Amino acid sequence: MRQKHPRAADEQRALYQRLDSWLASRGVTSAGDTNTGKSIDRPSKRISPEAQCISRELASKAMASVSPTLREAFVLYVVEGWTQKELSVRKGIALQTVKTRIFRARRKMKEHLSVDLDCAAGVK
């Protein structure tokens, strides 16, 4: 297996951590009741390695389900912390286009995650 550059691995780990926390802030948890959307109380606040792995896999699949154009706008805005105006100026696109891309990326990932969670729960 090809070894990643240490800095790239650190950046990817940081990206996954920020994405995990963003998903958690939006109510997508790695352990929860998929029928009610409420989280299940756990004895420890520490997330198990298995749950972290599942969260990363779901996040990766959700990110991969979005086109590169939408994904770039989403990652720069949500993960990297750019403002919508900053994104518009730096990328040379209209502000409304930036807002639309971020909205569509969120919607597409949410749809993808809901399908994955429904499949995991056995809902058809």
PDB file of N, CA and C in Angstrom:
ATOM      1  N   MET A   1       0.839  -1.174   0.000  1.00  0.00           N
ATOM      2  CA  MET A   1       0.000   0.000   0.000  1.00  0.00           C
ATOM      3  C   MET A   1       0.888   1.242   0.000  1.00  0.00           C
ATOM      4  N   ARG A   2       0.512   2.229  -0.765  1.00  0.00           N
ATOM      5  CA  ARG A   2       1.274   3.457  -0.899  1.00  0.00           C
ATOM      6  C   ARG A   2       1.155   4.308   0.363  1.00  0.00           C
ATOM      7  N   GLN A   3       2.282   4.785   0.855  1.00  0.00           N
ATOM      8  CA  GLN A   3       2.296   5.618   2.051  1.00  0.00           C
ATOM      9  C   GLN A   3       1.946   7.056   1.690  1.00  0.00           C
ATOM     10  N   LYS A   4       1.122   7.672   2.520  1.00  0.00           N
ATOM     11  CA  LYS A   4       0.783   9.073   2.337  1.00  0.00           C
ATOM     12  C   LYS A   4       1.856   9.937   2.969  1.00  0.00           C
ATOM     13  N   HIS A   5       2.003  11.109   2.434  1.00  0.00           N
ATOM     14  CA  HIS A   5       2.902  12.088   3.037  1.00  0.00           C
ATOM     15  C   HIS A   5       2.371  12.416   4.426  1.00  0.00           C
ATOM     16  N   PRO A   6       3.240  12.510   5.441  1.00  0.00           N
ATOM     17  CA  PRO A   6       2.758  12.756   6.814  1.00  0.00           C
ATOM     18  C   PRO A   6       1.873  13.997   6.936  1.00  0.00           C
ATOM     19  N   ARG A   7       2.222  15.057   6.234  1.00  0.00           N
ATOM     20  CA  ARG A   7       1.422  16.279   6.320  1.00  0.00           C
ATOM     21  C   ARG A   7       0.046  16.050   5.704  1.00  0.00           C
ATOM     22  N   ALA A   8      -0.007  15.328   4.591  1.00  0.00           N
ATOM     23  CA  ALA A   8      -1.290  15.039   3.950  1.00  0.00           C
ATOM     24  C   ALA A   8      -2.167  14.194   4.870  1.00  0.00           C
ATOM     25  N   ALA A   9      -1.567  13.247   5.566  1.00  0.00           N
ATOM     26  CA  ALA A   9      -2.329  12.406   6.501  1.00  0.00           C
ATOM     27  C   ALA A   9      -2.878  13.248   7.644  1.00  0.00           C
ATOM     28  N   ASP A  10      -2.052  14.179   8.162  1.00  0.00           N
ATOM     29  CA  ASP A  10      -2.513  15.070   9.228  1.00  0.00           C
ATOM     30  C   ASP A  10      -3.650  15.967   8.743  1.00  0.00           C
ATOM     31  N   GLU A  11      -3.520  16.487   7.528  1.00  0.00           N
ATOM     32  CA  GLU A  11      -4.557  17.348   6.973  1.00  0.00           C
ATOM     33  C   GLU A  11      -5.855  16.562   6.783  1.00  0.00           C
ATOM     34  N   GLN A  12      -5.743  15.326   6.300  1.00  0.00           N
ATOM     35  CA  GLN A  12      -6.929  14.502   6.101  1.00  0.00           C
ATOM     36  C   GLN A  12      -7.582  14.176   7.444  1.00  0.00           C
ATOM     37  N   ARG A  13      -6.780  13.875   8.453  1.00  0.00           N
ATOM     38  CA  ARG A  13      -7.304  13.589   9.784  1.00  0.00           C
ATOM     39  C   ARG A  13      -8.032  14.819  10.341  1.00  0.00           C
ATOM     40  N   ALA A  14      -7.439  15.986  10.158  1.00  0.00           N
ATOM     41  CA  ALA A  14      -8.065  17.232  10.625  1.00  0.00           C
ATOM     42  C   ALA A  14      -9.364  17.497   9.879  1.00  0.00           C
ATOM     43  N   LEU A  15      -9.358  17.228   8.585  1.00  0.00           N
ATOM     44  CA  LEU A  15     -10.575  17.413   7.782  1.00  0.00           C
ATOM     45  C   LEU A  15     -11.687  16.504   8.287  1.00  0.00           C
ATOM     46  N   TYR A  16     -11.369  15.231   8.550  1.00  0.00           N
ATOM     47  CA  TYR A  16     -12.376  14.307   9.056  1.00  0.00           C
ATOM     48  C   TYR A  16     -12.886  14.731  10.431  1.00  0.00           C
ATOM     49  N   GLN A  17     -11.998  15.226  11.286  1.00  0.00           N
ATOM     50  CA  GLN A  17     -12.431  15.677  12.604  1.00  0.00           C
ATOM     51  C   GLN A  17     -13.378  16.861  12.494  1.00  0.00           C
ATOM     52  N   ARG A  18     -13.044  17.821  11.610  1.00  0.00           N
ATOM     53  CA  ARG A  18     -13.926  18.974  11.436  1.00  0.00           C
ATOM     54  C   ARG A  18     -15.245  18.551  10.819  1.00  0.00           C
ATOM     55  N   LEU A  19     -15.191  17.618   9.873  1.00  0.00           N
ATOM     56  CA  LEU A  19     -16.419  17.139   9.245  1.00  0.00           C
ATOM     57  C   LEU A  19     -17.273  16.373  10.248  1.00  0.00           C
ATOM     58  N   ASP A  20     -16.644  15.545  11.101  1.00  0.00           N
ATOM     59  CA  ASP A  20     -17.385  14.830  12.140  1.00  0.00           C
ATOM     60  C   ASP A  20     -18.088  15.802  13.083  1.00  0.00           C
ATOM     61  N   SER A  21     -17.376  16.847  13.493  1.00  0.00           N
ATOM     62  CA  SER A  21     -17.994  17.810  14.406  1.00  0.00           C
ATOM     63  C   SER A  21     -19.093  18.598  13.710  1.00  0.00           C
ATOM     64  N   TRP A  22     -18.901  18.887  12.407  1.00  0.00           N
ATOM     65  CA  TRP A  22     -19.955  19.593  11.665  1.00  0.00           C
ATOM     66  C   TRP A  22     -21.194  18.704  11.554  1.00  0.00           C
ATOM     67  N   LEU A  23     -21.006  17.433  11.227  1.00  0.00           N
ATOM     68  CA  LEU A  23     -22.135  16.509  11.130  1.00  0.00           C
ATOM     69  C   LEU A  23     -22.844  16.395  12.470  1.00  0.00           C
ATOM     70  N   ALA A  24     -22.077  16.321  13.545  1.00  0.00           N
ATOM     71  CA  ALA A  24     -22.678  16.233  14.872  1.00  0.00           C
ATOM     72  C   ALA A  24     -23.483  17.492  15.192  1.00  0.00           C
ATOM     73  N   SER A  25     -22.998  18.657  14.773  1.00  0.00           N
ATOM     74  CA  SER A  25     -23.732  19.900  15.033  1.00  0.00           C
ATOM     75  C   SER A  25     -25.033  19.966  14.245  1.00  0.00           C
ATOM     76  N   ARG A  26     -25.119  19.184  13.177  1.00  0.00           N
ATOM     77  CA  ARG A  26     -26.327  19.149  12.357  1.00  0.00           C
ATOM     78  C   ARG A  26     -27.255  17.999  12.749  1.00  0.00           C
ATOM     79  N   GLY A  27     -26.908  17.308  13.826  1.00  0.00           N
ATOM     80  CA  GLY A  27     -27.775  16.245  14.324  1.00  0.00           C
ATOM     81  C   GLY A  27     -27.480  14.876  13.758  1.00  0.00           C
ATOM     82  N   VAL A  28     -26.431  14.735  12.955  1.00  0.00           N
ATOM     83  CA  VAL A  28     -26.063  13.424  12.429  1.00  0.00           C
ATOM     84  C   VAL A  28     -25.042  12.842  13.387  1.00  0.00           C
ATOM     85  N   THR A  29     -25.459  11.823  14.103  1.00  0.00           N
ATOM     86  CA  THR A  29     -24.569  11.219  15.079  1.00  0.00           C
ATOM     87  C   THR A  29     -24.184   9.829  14.625  1.00  0.00           C
ATOM     88  N   SER A  30     -23.071   9.357  15.124  1.00  0.00           N
ATOM     89  CA  SER A  30     -22.625   8.016  14.753  1.00  0.00           C
ATOM     90  C   SER A  30     -23.365   6.949  15.542  1.00  0.00           C
ATOM     91  N   ALA A  31     -23.955   7.336  16.645  1.00  0.00           N
ATOM     92  CA  ALA A  31     -24.744   6.393  17.423  1.00  0.00           C
ATOM     93  C   ALA A  31     -26.066   7.056  17.749  1.00  0.00           C
ATOM     94  N   GLY A  32     -27.132   6.515  17.212  1.00  0.00           N
ATOM     95  CA  GLY A  32     -28.416   7.131  17.482  1.00  0.00           C
ATOM     96  C   GLY A  32     -29.558   6.271  16.979  1.00  0.00           C
ATOM     97  N   ASP A  33     -30.755   6.651  17.356  1.00  0.00           N
ATOM     98  CA  ASP A  33     -31.949   5.962  16.914  1.00  0.00           C
ATOM     99  C   ASP A  33     -32.355   6.569  15.580  1.00  0.00           C
ATOM    100  N   THR A  34     -32.195   5.806  14.499  1.00  0.00           N
ATOM    101  CA  THR A  34     -32.477   6.358  13.173  1.00  0.00           C
ATOM    102  C   THR A  34     -33.965   6.560  12.940  1.00  0.00           C
ATOM    103  N   ASN A  35     -34.813   5.932  13.758  1.00  0.00           N
ATOM    104  CA  ASN A  35     -36.255   6.121  13.585  1.00  0.00           C
ATOM    105  C   ASN A  35     -36.723   7.457  14.161  1.00  0.00           C
ATOM    106  N   THR A  36     -36.161   7.854  15.289  1.00  0.00           N
ATOM    107  CA  THR A  36     -36.582   9.104  15.924  1.00  0.00           C
ATOM    108  C   THR A  36     -35.591  10.226  15.730  1.00  0.00           C
ATOM    109  N   GLY A  37     -34.363   9.894  15.343  1.00  0.00           N
ATOM    110  CA  GLY A  37     -33.336  10.906  15.172  1.00  0.00           C
ATOM    111  C   GLY A  37     -32.701  11.352  16.469  1.00  0.00           C
ATOM    112  N   LYS A  38     -33.131  10.768  17.597  1.00  0.00           N
ATOM    113  CA  LYS A  38     -32.571  11.146  18.896  1.00  0.00           C
ATOM    114  C   LYS A  38     -31.351  10.289  19.193  1.00  0.00           C
ATOM    115  N   SER A  39     -30.388  10.913  19.832  1.00  0.00           N
ATOM    116  CA  SER A  39     -29.180  10.170  20.135  1.00  0.00           C
ATOM    117  C   SER A  39     -29.423   9.220  21.315  1.00  0.00           C
ATOM    118  N   ILE A  40     -28.661   8.172  21.340  1.00  0.00           N
ATOM    119  CA  ILE A  40     -28.745   7.190  22.407  1.00  0.00           C
ATOM    120  C   ILE A  40     -27.733   7.581  23.477  1.00  0.00           C
ATOM    121  N   ASP A  41     -28.161   7.557  24.729  1.00  0.00           N
ATOM    122  CA  ASP A  41     -27.243   7.885  25.819  1.00  0.00           C
ATOM    123  C   ASP A  41     -26.182   6.804  25.900  1.00  0.00           C
ATOM    124  N   ARG A  42     -24.946   7.240  26.022  1.00  0.00           N
ATOM    125  CA  ARG A  42     -23.829   6.324  26.158  1.00  0.00           C
ATOM    126  C   ARG A  42     -23.182   6.562  27.508  1.00  0.00           C
ATOM    127  N   PRO A  43     -22.598   5.539  28.097  1.00  0.00           N
ATOM    128  CA  PRO A  43     -21.959   5.718  29.389  1.00  0.00           C
ATOM    129  C   PRO A  43     -20.738   6.632  29.321  1.00  0.00           C
ATOM    130  N   SER A  44     -20.110   6.716  28.173  1.00  0.00           N
ATOM    131  CA  SER A  44     -18.923   7.542  28.015  1.00  0.00           C
ATOM    132  C   SER A  44     -19.126   8.505  26.862  1.00  0.00           C
ATOM    133  N   LYS A  45     -18.556   9.700  26.968  1.00  0.00           N
ATOM    134  CA  LYS A  45     -18.651  10.666  25.880  1.00  0.00           C
ATOM    135  C   LYS A  45     -17.638  10.351  24.785  1.00  0.00           C
ATOM    136  N   ARG A  46     -16.718   9.473  25.049  1.00  0.00           N
ATOM    137  CA  ARG A  46     -15.704   9.101  24.069  1.00  0.00           C
ATOM    138  C   ARG A  46     -16.348   8.207  23.014  1.00  0.00           C
ATOM    139  N   ILE A  47     -16.127   8.549  21.763  1.00  0.00           N
ATOM    140  CA  ILE A  47     -16.691   7.775  20.662  1.00  0.00           C
ATOM    141  C   ILE A  47     -15.791   6.571  20.411  1.00  0.00           C
ATOM    142  N   SER A  48     -16.415   5.429  20.258  1.00  0.00           N
ATOM    143  CA  SER A  48     -15.643   4.209  20.040  1.00  0.00           C
ATOM    144  C   SER A  48     -14.942   4.263  18.685  1.00  0.00           C
ATOM    145  N   PRO A  49     -13.838   3.538  18.541  1.00  0.00           N
ATOM    146  CA  PRO A  49     -13.138   3.503  17.258  1.00  0.00           C
ATOM    147  C   PRO A  49     -14.030   3.002  16.118  1.00  0.00           C
ATOM    148  N   GLU A  50     -14.921   2.058  16.428  1.00  0.00           N
ATOM    149  CA  GLU A  50     -15.829   1.547  15.407  1.00  0.00           C
ATOM    150  C   GLU A  50     -16.783   2.648  14.927  1.00  0.00           C
ATOM    151  N   ALA A  51     -17.320   3.415  15.877  1.00  0.00           N
ATOM    152  CA  ALA A  51     -18.228   4.505  15.525  1.00  0.00           C
ATOM    153  C   ALA A  51     -17.497   5.584  14.738  1.00  0.00           C
ATOM    154  N   GLN A  52     -16.251   5.870  15.105  1.00  0.00           N
ATOM    155  CA  GLN A  52     -15.463   6.850  14.361  1.00  0.00           C
ATOM    156  C   GLN A  52     -15.238   6.382  12.932  1.00  0.00           C
ATOM    157  N   CYS A  53     -14.946   5.107  12.793  1.00  0.00           N
ATOM    158  CA  CYS A  53     -14.720   4.532  11.461  1.00  0.00           C
ATOM    159  C   CYS A  53     -15.982   4.631  10.608  1.00  0.00           C
ATOM    160  N   ILE A  54     -17.118   4.306  11.197  1.00  0.00           N
ATOM    161  CA  ILE A  54     -18.397   4.383  10.489  1.00  0.00           C
ATOM    162  C   ILE A  54     -18.703   5.828  10.124  1.00  0.00           C
ATOM    163  N   SER A  55     -18.463   6.760  11.041  1.00  0.00           N
ATOM    164  CA  SER A  55     -18.707   8.181  10.771  1.00  0.00           C
ATOM    165  C   SER A  55     -17.853   8.660   9.615  1.00  0.00           C
ATOM    166  N   ARG A  56     -16.591   8.286   9.629  1.00  0.00           N
ATOM    167  CA  ARG A  56     -15.689   8.706   8.546  1.00  0.00           C
ATOM    168  C   ARG A  56     -16.129   8.113   7.214  1.00  0.00           C
ATOM    169  N   GLU A  57     -16.520   6.858   7.246  1.00  0.00           N
ATOM    170  CA  GLU A  57     -16.955   6.206   6.012  1.00  0.00           C
ATOM    171  C   GLU A  57     -18.218   6.873   5.462  1.00  0.00           C
ATOM    172  N   LEU A  58     -19.184   7.149   6.337  1.00  0.00           N
ATOM    173  CA  LEU A  58     -20.403   7.828   5.909  1.00  0.00           C
ATOM    174  C   LEU A  58     -20.098   9.230   5.384  1.00  0.00           C
ATOM    175  N   ALA A  59     -19.219   9.941   6.082  1.00  0.00           N
ATOM    176  CA  ALA A  59     -18.854  11.290   5.648  1.00  0.00           C
ATOM    177  C   ALA A  59     -18.141  11.255   4.305  1.00  0.00           C
ATOM    178  N   SER A  60     -17.241  10.293   4.131  1.00  0.00           N
ATOM    179  CA  SER A  60     -16.521  10.170   2.861  1.00  0.00           C
ATOM    180  C   SER A  60     -17.475   9.864   1.717  1.00  0.00           C
ATOM    181  N   LYS A  61     -18.403   8.944   1.961  1.00  0.00           N
ATOM    182  CA  LYS A  61     -19.378   8.598   0.915  1.00  0.00           C
ATOM    183  C   LYS A  61     -20.277   9.787   0.597  1.00  0.00           C
ATOM    184  N   ALA A  62     -20.683  10.518   1.637  1.00  0.00           N
ATOM    185  CA  ALA A  62     -21.533  11.688   1.412  1.00  0.00           C
ATOM    186  C   ALA A  62     -20.782  12.750   0.610  1.00  0.00           C
ATOM    187  N   MET A  63     -19.511  12.973   0.953  1.00  0.00           N
ATOM    188  CA  MET A  63     -18.710  13.950   0.224  1.00  0.00           C
ATOM    189  C   MET A  63     -18.492  13.499  -1.221  1.00  0.00           C
ATOM    190  N   ALA A  64     -18.291  12.208  -1.412  1.00  0.00           N
ATOM    191  CA  ALA A  64     -18.069  11.692  -2.761  1.00  0.00           C
ATOM    192  C   ALA A  64     -19.332  11.764  -3.617  1.00  0.00           C
ATOM    193  N   SER A  65     -20.491  11.826  -2.981  1.00  0.00           N
ATOM    194  CA  SER A  65     -21.745  11.874  -3.731  1.00  0.00           C
ATOM    195  C   SER A  65     -22.005  13.258  -4.334  1.00  0.00           C
ATOM    196  N   VAL A  66     -21.207  14.237  -3.919  1.00  0.00           N
ATOM    197  CA  VAL A  66     -21.379  15.614  -4.378  1.00  0.00           C
ATOM    198  C   VAL A  66     -20.382  15.900  -5.497  1.00  0.00           C
ATOM    199  N   SER A  67     -20.811  16.669  -6.492  1.00  0.00           N
ATOM    200  CA  SER A  67     -19.916  17.006  -7.600  1.00  0.00           C
ATOM    201  C   SER A  67     -18.723  17.808  -7.086  1.00  0.00           C
ATOM    202  N   PRO A  68     -17.599  17.751  -7.797  1.00  0.00           N
ATOM    203  CA  PRO A  68     -16.411  18.482  -7.347  1.00  0.00           C
ATOM    204  C   PRO A  68     -16.645  19.995  -7.170  1.00  0.00           C
ATOM    205  N   THR A  69     -17.448  20.577  -8.017  1.00  0.00           N
ATOM    206  CA  THR A  69     -17.731  22.008  -7.928  1.00  0.00           C
ATOM    207  C   THR A  69     -18.461  22.336  -6.628  1.00  0.00           C
ATOM    208  N   LEU A  70     -19.498  21.545  -6.314  1.00  0.00           N
ATOM    209  CA  LEU A  70     -20.248  21.772  -5.078  1.00  0.00           C
ATOM    210  C   LEU A  70     -19.405  21.439  -3.860  1.00  0.00           C
ATOM    211  N   ARG A  71     -18.631  20.357  -3.960  1.00  0.00           N
ATOM    212  CA  ARG A  71     -17.790  19.920  -2.843  1.00  0.00           C
ATOM    213  C   ARG A  71     -16.751  20.987  -2.497  1.00  0.00           C
ATOM    214  N   GLU A  72     -16.145  21.606  -3.511  1.00  0.00           N
ATOM    215  CA  GLU A  72     -15.141  22.636  -3.259  1.00  0.00           C
ATOM    216  C   GLU A  72     -15.743  23.805  -2.478  1.00  0.00           C
ATOM    217  N   ALA A  73     -16.900  24.288  -2.918  1.00  0.00           N
ATOM    218  CA  ALA A  73     -17.552  25.401  -2.227  1.00  0.00           C
ATOM    219  C   ALA A  73     -17.907  25.015  -0.788  1.00  0.00           C
ATOM    220  N   PHE A  74     -18.434  23.806  -0.618  1.00  0.00           N
ATOM    221  CA  PHE A  74     -18.831  23.331   0.715  1.00  0.00           C
ATOM    222  C   PHE A  74     -17.627  23.234   1.651  1.00  0.00           C
ATOM    223  N   VAL A  75     -16.565  22.598   1.194  1.00  0.00           N
ATOM    224  CA  VAL A  75     -15.387  22.385   2.036  1.00  0.00           C
ATOM    225  C   VAL A  75     -14.736  23.716   2.401  1.00  0.00           C
ATOM    226  N   LEU A  76     -14.602  24.605   1.440  1.00  0.00           N
ATOM    227  CA  LEU A  76     -13.980  25.891   1.740  1.00  0.00           C
ATOM    228  C   LEU A  76     -14.820  26.707   2.721  1.00  0.00           C
ATOM    229  N   TYR A  77     -16.126  26.630   2.593  1.00  0.00           N
ATOM    230  CA  TYR A  77     -17.010  27.398   3.471  1.00  0.00           C
ATOM    231  C   TYR A  77     -17.148  26.760   4.855  1.00  0.00           C
ATOM    232  N   VAL A  78     -17.520  25.494   4.884  1.00  0.00           N
ATOM    233  CA  VAL A  78     -17.832  24.834   6.151  1.00  0.00           C
ATOM    234  C   VAL A  78     -16.587  24.342   6.880  1.00  0.00           C
ATOM    235  N   VAL A  79     -15.702  23.703   6.171  1.00  0.00           N
ATOM    236  CA  VAL A  79     -14.551  23.070   6.821  1.00  0.00           C
ATOM    237  C   VAL A  79     -13.402  24.059   7.007  1.00  0.00           C
ATOM    238  N   GLU A  80     -13.075  24.807   5.962  1.00  0.00           N
ATOM    239  CA  GLU A  80     -11.947  25.729   6.034  1.00  0.00           C
ATOM    240  C   GLU A  80     -12.303  27.079   6.640  1.00  0.00           C
ATOM    241  N   GLY A  81     -13.601  27.396   6.719  1.00  0.00           N
ATOM    242  CA  GLY A  81     -14.025  28.611   7.395  1.00  0.00           C
ATOM    243  C   GLY A  81     -14.019  29.874   6.556  1.00  0.00           C
ATOM    244  N   TRP A  82     -13.974  29.744   5.227  1.00  0.00           N
ATOM    245  CA  TRP A  82     -14.049  30.926   4.383  1.00  0.00           C
ATOM    246  C   TRP A  82     -15.454  31.503   4.465  1.00  0.00           C
ATOM    247  N   THR A  83     -15.572  32.821   4.317  1.00  0.00           N
ATOM    248  CA  THR A  83     -16.898  33.429   4.242  1.00  0.00           C
ATOM    249  C   THR A  83     -17.417  33.260   2.823  1.00  0.00           C
ATOM    250  N   GLN A  84     -18.725  33.408   2.668  1.00  0.00           N
ATOM    251  CA  GLN A  84     -19.302  33.296   1.327  1.00  0.00           C
ATOM    252  C   GLN A  84     -18.759  34.390   0.412  1.00  0.00           C
ATOM    253  N   LYS A  85     -18.620  35.578   0.962  1.00  0.00           N
ATOM    254  CA  LYS A  85     -18.095  36.697   0.163  1.00  0.00           C
ATOM    255  C   LYS A  85     -16.644  36.440  -0.235  1.00  0.00           C
ATOM    256  N   GLU A  86     -15.844  35.951   0.708  1.00  0.00           N
ATOM    257  CA  GLU A  86     -14.446  35.631   0.431  1.00  0.00           C
ATOM    258  C   GLU A  86     -14.343  34.561  -0.658  1.00  0.00           C
ATOM    259  N   LEU A  87     -15.177  33.557  -0.565  1.00  0.00           N
ATOM    260  CA  LEU A  87     -15.214  32.498  -1.571  1.00  0.00           C
ATOM    261  C   LEU A  87     -15.545  33.081  -2.938  1.00  0.00           C
ATOM    262  N   SER A  88     -16.529  33.969  -2.978  1.00  0.00           N
ATOM    263  CA  SER A  88     -16.954  34.603  -4.216  1.00  0.00           C
ATOM    264  C   SER A  88     -15.815  35.392  -4.861  1.00  0.00           C
ATOM    265  N   VAL A  89     -15.127  36.185  -4.048  1.00  0.00           N
ATOM    266  CA  VAL A  89     -14.046  37.024  -4.565  1.00  0.00           C
ATOM    267  C   VAL A  89     -12.857  36.187  -5.014  1.00  0.00           C
ATOM    268  N   ARG A  90     -12.427  35.248  -4.163  1.00  0.00           N
ATOM    269  CA  ARG A  90     -11.239  34.439  -4.485  1.00  0.00           C
ATOM    270  C   ARG A  90     -11.444  33.520  -5.680  1.00  0.00           C
ATOM    271  N   LYS A  91     -12.645  32.996  -5.829  1.00  0.00           N
ATOM    272  CA  LYS A  91     -12.914  32.069  -6.935  1.00  0.00           C
ATOM    273  C   LYS A  91     -13.468  32.772  -8.171  1.00  0.00           C
ATOM    274  N   GLY A  92     -13.812  34.054  -8.020  1.00  0.00           N
ATOM    275  CA  GLY A  92     -14.299  34.819  -9.172  1.00  0.00           C
ATOM    276  C   GLY A  92     -15.683  34.402  -9.638  1.00  0.00           C
ATOM    277  N   ILE A  93     -16.543  34.032  -8.699  1.00  0.00           N
ATOM    278  CA  ILE A  93     -17.914  33.659  -9.050  1.00  0.00           C
ATOM    279  C   ILE A  93     -18.890  34.530  -8.258  1.00  0.00           C
ATOM    280  N   ALA A  94     -20.104  34.626  -8.758  1.00  0.00           N
ATOM    281  CA  ALA A  94     -21.116  35.467  -8.118  1.00  0.00           C
ATOM    282  C   ALA A  94     -21.449  34.947  -6.721  1.00  0.00           C
ATOM    283  N   LEU A  95     -21.760  35.863  -5.819  1.00  0.00           N
ATOM    284  CA  LEU A  95     -22.094  35.508  -4.436  1.00  0.00           C
ATOM    285  C   LEU A  95     -23.287  34.555  -4.389  1.00  0.00           C
ATOM    286  N   GLN A  96     -24.306  34.822  -5.193  1.00  0.00           N
ATOM    287  CA  GLN A  96     -25.486  33.952  -5.205  1.00  0.00           C
ATOM    288  C   GLN A  96     -25.130  32.544  -5.677  1.00  0.00           C
ATOM    289  N   THR A  97     -24.175  32.441  -6.589  1.00  0.00           N
ATOM    290  CA  THR A  97     -23.721  31.128  -7.064  1.00  0.00           C
ATOM    291  C   THR A  97     -23.049  30.361  -5.917  1.00  0.00           C
ATOM    292  N   VAL A  98     -22.252  31.058  -5.123  1.00  0.00           N
ATOM    293  CA  VAL A  98     -21.605  30.432  -3.956  1.00  0.00           C
ATOM    294  C   VAL A  98     -22.666  29.907  -3.005  1.00  0.00           C
ATOM    295  N   LYS A  99     -23.654  30.734  -2.693  1.00  0.00           N
ATOM    296  CA  LYS A  99     -24.722  30.331  -1.775  1.00  0.00           C
ATOM    297  C   LYS A  99     -25.479  29.119  -2.311  1.00  0.00           C
ATOM    298  N   THR A 100     -25.754  29.129  -3.606  1.00  0.00           N
ATOM    299  CA  THR A 100     -26.477  28.008  -4.233  1.00  0.00           C
ATOM    300  C   THR A 100     -25.662  26.729  -4.161  1.00  0.00           C
ATOM    301  N   ARG A 101     -24.374  26.813  -4.447  1.00  0.00           N
ATOM    302  CA  ARG A 101     -23.514  25.622  -4.409  1.00  0.00           C
ATOM    303  C   ARG A 101     -23.444  25.030  -3.005  1.00  0.00           C
ATOM    304  N   ILE A 102     -23.318  25.870  -2.003  1.00  0.00           N
ATOM    305  CA  ILE A 102     -23.262  25.389  -0.611  1.00  0.00           C
ATOM    306  C   ILE A 102     -24.586  24.726  -0.238  1.00  0.00           C
ATOM    307  N   PHE A 103     -25.697  25.367  -0.609  1.00  0.00           N
ATOM    308  CA  PHE A 103     -27.022  24.814  -0.318  1.00  0.00           C
ATOM    309  C   PHE A 103     -27.201  23.460  -0.994  1.00  0.00           C
ATOM    310  N   ARG A 104     -26.856  23.382  -2.275  1.00  0.00           N
ATOM    311  CA  ARG A 104     -27.027  22.120  -3.013  1.00  0.00           C
ATOM    312  C   ARG A 104     -26.127  21.017  -2.478  1.00  0.00           C
ATOM    313  N   ALA A 105     -24.914  21.368  -2.074  1.00  0.00           N
ATOM    314  CA  ALA A 105     -24.002  20.368  -1.500  1.00  0.00           C
ATOM    315  C   ALA A 105     -24.574  19.811  -0.201  1.00  0.00           C
ATOM    316  N   ARG A 106     -25.068  20.697   0.663  1.00  0.00           N
ATOM    317  CA  ARG A 106     -25.675  20.243   1.925  1.00  0.00           C
ATOM    318  C   ARG A 106     -26.871  19.342   1.664  1.00  0.00           C
ATOM    319  N   ARG A 107     -27.726  19.769   0.748  1.00  0.00           N
ATOM    320  CA  ARG A 107     -28.932  18.993   0.443  1.00  0.00           C
ATOM    321  C   ARG A 107     -28.567  17.615  -0.089  1.00  0.00           C
ATOM    322  N   LYS A 108     -27.614  17.568  -1.011  1.00  0.00           N
ATOM    323  CA  LYS A 108     -27.210  16.291  -1.614  1.00  0.00           C
ATOM    324  C   LYS A 108     -26.592  15.362  -0.564  1.00  0.00           C
ATOM    325  N   MET A 109     -25.734  15.898   0.311  1.00  0.00           N
ATOM    326  CA  MET A 109     -25.121  15.061   1.352  1.00  0.00           C
ATOM    327  C   MET A 109     -26.163  14.594   2.358  1.00  0.00           C
ATOM    328  N   LYS A 110     -27.089  15.467   2.702  1.00  0.00           N
ATOM    329  CA  LYS A 110     -28.151  15.091   3.634  1.00  0.00           C
ATOM    330  C   LYS A 110     -28.995  13.958   3.053  1.00  0.00           C
ATOM    331  N   GLU A 111     -29.342  14.063   1.766  1.00  0.00           N
ATOM    332  CA  GLU A 111     -30.100  12.989   1.105  1.00  0.00           C
ATOM    333  C   GLU A 111     -29.308  11.694   1.116  1.00  0.00           C
ATOM    334  N   HIS A 112     -28.032  11.794   0.800  1.00  0.00           N
ATOM    335  CA  HIS A 112     -27.181  10.599   0.759  1.00  0.00           C
ATOM    336  C   HIS A 112     -27.077   9.961   2.145  1.00  0.00           C
ATOM    337  N   LEU A 113     -26.881  10.792   3.170  1.00  0.00           N
ATOM    338  CA  LEU A 113     -26.779  10.259   4.534  1.00  0.00           C
ATOM    339  C   LEU A 113     -28.091   9.651   5.006  1.00  0.00           C
ATOM    340  N   SER A 114     -29.211  10.269   4.656  1.00  0.00           N
ATOM    341  CA  SER A 114     -30.500   9.713   5.089  1.00  0.00           C
ATOM    342  C   SER A 114     -30.757   8.359   4.435  1.00  0.00           C
ATOM    343  N   VAL A 115     -30.336   8.192   3.178  1.00  0.00           N
ATOM    344  CA  VAL A 115     -30.499   6.900   2.503  1.00  0.00           C
ATOM    345  C   VAL A 115     -29.603   5.859   3.187  1.00  0.00           C
ATOM    346  N   ASP A 116     -28.345   6.224   3.487  1.00  0.00           N
ATOM    347  CA  ASP A 116     -27.429   5.293   4.167  1.00  0.00           C
ATOM    348  C   ASP A 116     -27.959   4.903   5.542  1.00  0.00           C
ATOM    349  N   LEU A 117     -28.453   5.901   6.285  1.00  0.00           N
ATOM    350  CA  LEU A 117     -28.971   5.600   7.625  1.00  0.00           C
ATOM    351  C   LEU A 117     -30.240   4.767   7.561  1.00  0.00           C
ATOM    352  N   ASP A 118     -31.107   5.040   6.577  1.00  0.00           N
ATOM    353  CA  ASP A 118     -32.313   4.220   6.407  1.00  0.00           C
ATOM    354  C   ASP A 118     -31.961   2.781   6.062  1.00  0.00           C
ATOM    355  N   CYS A 119     -30.952   2.612   5.199  1.00  0.00           N
ATOM    356  CA  CYS A 119     -30.515   1.256   4.832  1.00  0.00           C
ATOM    357  C   CYS A 119     -29.939   0.537   6.049  1.00  0.00           C
ATOM    358  N   ALA A 120     -29.185   1.254   6.852  1.00  0.00           N
ATOM    359  CA  ALA A 120     -28.596   0.643   8.049  1.00  0.00           C
ATOM    360  C   ALA A 120     -29.667   0.243   9.047  1.00  0.00           C
ATOM    361  N   ALA A 121     -30.768   0.993   9.072  1.00  0.00           N
ATOM    362  CA  ALA A 121     -31.847   0.702  10.005  1.00  0.00           C
ATOM    363  C   ALA A 121     -32.841  -0.315   9.441  1.00  0.00           C
ATOM    364  N   GLY A 122     -32.664  -0.667   8.171  1.00  0.00           N
ATOM    365  CA  GLY A 122     -33.575  -1.636   7.546  1.00  0.00           C
ATOM    366  C   GLY A 122     -34.862  -1.027   7.052  1.00  0.00           C
ATOM    367  N   VAL A 123     -34.912   0.301   6.898  1.00  0.00           N
ATOM    368  CA  VAL A 123     -36.105   0.978   6.398  1.00  0.00           C
ATOM    369  C   VAL A 123     -36.052   0.981   4.884  1.00  0.00           C
ATOM    370  N   LYS A 124     -37.197   0.694   4.259  1.00  0.00           N
ATOM    371  CA  LYS A 124     -37.246   0.673   2.796  1.00  0.00           C
ATOM    372  C   LYS A 124     -37.836   1.932   2.252  1.00  0.00           C
TER     373      LYS A 124
END
